[in-house]
Amino acid sequence: ATLATRAHELQAKLHTDYADQLKEMEAILREEFIKKEISDRRREVKQSNEKIRQIMNNWFGLNIEEVFVAWKGFVKKRKKQKRRDVREKNKFERLAFEDKVAQFQIATEEVIICSLML
């Protein structure tokens, strides 16, 4: 029963005097206050426990999905960096080869020019 319903029931009792009614209403108000406080505290404790559970899951590595997603990102970045390194190495080797080919062509032309001058 709600507070208003119980208060009306109390007023309906004509055989009790005003002081008794006040005492009963005070008791009812205390009871309702205590019920509300218990409900509020229970909700706060549940929220606190949920937060603690989430923290424990993260500490103990129980959140496997987050670990997998982080690992997957790391692997993708690592593969991308390896591909960049290979492309850079190949570019360097190609430029070195082209430089040697150019040196060989210049040397060949110098030999031809020198042989024509003789």
Protein backbone atom coordinates (compact mmCIF):
# COMPACT_ATOMS: atom_id res chain seq x y z
CA ALA A 1 0.00 0.00 0.00
CA THR A 2 1.20 3.47 -0.79
CA LEU A 3 1.74 6.19 1.71
CA ALA A 4 -1.45 8.03 0.73
CA THR A 5 -3.60 4.89 0.99
CA ARG A 6 -2.28 4.05 4.42
CA ALA A 7 -2.74 7.64 5.58
CA HIS A 8 -6.42 7.55 4.50
CA GLU A 9 -6.90 4.28 6.35
CA LEU A 10 -5.51 5.87 9.47
CA GLN A 11 -7.80 8.87 9.20
CA ALA A 12 -10.77 6.53 8.86
CA LYS A 13 -10.16 5.20 12.34
CA LEU A 14 -12.25 7.58 14.39
CA HIS A 15 -11.69 5.79 17.70
CA THR A 16 -7.99 6.78 17.87
CA ASP A 17 -7.01 10.22 18.96
CA TYR A 18 -4.81 12.72 17.13
CA ALA A 19 -1.54 11.87 18.97
CA ASP A 20 -1.88 8.17 18.14
CA GLN A 21 -2.53 9.04 14.51
CA LEU A 22 0.60 11.19 14.40
CA LYS A 23 2.69 8.39 15.87
CA GLU A 24 1.37 5.88 13.33
CA MET A 25 1.93 8.31 10.46
CA GLU A 26 5.47 8.93 11.68
CA ALA A 27 6.07 5.17 11.78
CA ILE A 28 4.69 4.83 8.25
CA LEU A 29 6.90 7.67 6.99
CA ARG A 30 9.97 6.09 8.59
CA GLU A 31 9.13 2.73 7.03
CA GLU A 32 8.67 4.27 3.56
CA PHE A 33 11.90 6.26 3.93
CA ILE A 34 13.84 3.15 4.92
CA LYS A 35 12.41 1.16 1.98
CA LYS A 36 13.43 3.93 -0.45
CA GLU A 37 16.93 4.20 1.03
CA ILE A 38 17.40 0.43 0.82
CA SER A 39 16.29 0.48 -2.82
CA ASP A 40 18.65 3.35 -3.66
CA ARG A 41 21.62 1.72 -1.93
CA ARG A 42 20.92 -1.63 -3.60
CA ARG A 43 20.98 0.08 -7.02
CA GLU A 44 24.24 1.88 -6.19
CA VAL A 45 25.89 -1.35 -5.04
CA LYS A 46 24.81 -3.15 -8.23
CA GLN A 47 26.28 -0.37 -10.37
CA SER A 48 29.51 -0.41 -8.36
CA ASN A 49 29.76 -4.21 -8.65
CA GLU A 50 29.27 -3.99 -12.42
CA LYS A 51 32.10 -1.47 -12.74
CA ILE A 52 34.37 -3.65 -10.60
CA ARG A 53 33.51 -6.68 -12.75
CA GLN A 54 34.45 -4.78 -15.92
CA ILE A 55 37.77 -3.71 -14.41
CA MET A 56 38.53 -7.28 -13.30
CA ASN A 57 37.75 -8.59 -16.77
CA ASN A 58 40.23 -6.15 -18.25
CA TRP A 59 42.89 -6.93 -15.63
CA PHE A 60 42.65 -10.68 -16.04
CA GLY A 61 42.42 -10.57 -19.84
CA LEU A 62 38.96 -12.09 -19.89
CA ASN A 63 37.85 -9.64 -22.54
CA ILE A 64 39.12 -11.77 -25.41
CA GLU A 65 37.42 -9.77 -28.15
CA GLU A 66 39.29 -6.58 -27.25
CA VAL A 67 42.60 -8.46 -27.13
CA PHE A 68 41.90 -10.06 -30.52
CA VAL A 69 40.96 -6.73 -32.13
CA ALA A 70 44.14 -5.10 -30.77
CA TRP A 71 46.27 -8.04 -31.98
CA LYS A 72 44.62 -7.94 -35.41
CA GLY A 73 45.40 -4.22 -35.73
CA PHE A 74 49.01 -4.84 -34.72
CA VAL A 75 49.42 -7.60 -37.31
CA LYS A 76 47.93 -5.44 -40.09
CA LYS A 77 50.28 -2.56 -39.26
CA ARG A 78 53.25 -4.92 -39.13
CA LYS A 79 52.43 -6.44 -42.54
CA LYS A 80 51.98 -2.98 -44.04
CA GLN A 81 55.37 -1.87 -42.66
CA LYS A 82 57.05 -5.01 -44.00
CA ARG A 83 55.61 -4.33 -47.48
CA ARG A 84 56.91 -0.74 -47.31
CA ASP A 85 60.35 -1.98 -46.28
CA VAL A 86 60.47 -4.49 -49.16
CA ARG A 87 59.37 -1.84 -51.68
CA GLU A 88 62.03 0.58 -50.40
CA LYS A 89 64.73 -2.11 -50.57
CA ASN A 90 63.69 -3.09 -54.11
CA LYS A 91 63.72 0.58 -55.19
CA PHE A 92 67.22 1.05 -53.76
CA GLU A 93 68.50 -2.10 -55.49
CA ARG A 94 66.87 -1.08 -58.80
CA LEU A 95 68.46 2.38 -58.64
CA ALA A 96 71.86 0.84 -57.84
CA PHE A 97 71.50 -1.54 -60.81
CA GLU A 98 70.46 1.30 -63.17
CA ASP A 99 73.46 3.33 -61.95
CA LYS A 100 75.83 0.43 -62.75
CA VAL A 101 74.21 -0.05 -66.17
CA ALA A 102 74.64 3.66 -66.88
CA GLN A 103 78.31 3.52 -65.78
CA PHE A 104 78.84 0.49 -68.04
CA GLN A 105 77.25 2.31 -71.01
CA ILE A 106 79.40 5.38 -70.42
CA ALA A 107 82.53 3.23 -70.18
CA THR A 108 81.54 1.38 -73.37
CA GLU A 109 81.05 4.67 -75.23
CA GLU A 110 84.42 5.95 -73.97
CA VAL A 111 86.10 2.79 -75.26
CA ILE A 112 84.41 3.23 -78.66
CA ILE A 113 85.45 6.88 -78.83
CA CYS A 114 89.02 6.07 -77.82
CA SER A 115 89.25 3.24 -80.37
CA LEU A 116 88.03 5.58 -83.14
CA MET A 117 90.66 8.16 -82.27
CA LEU A 118 93.48 5.75 -82.74
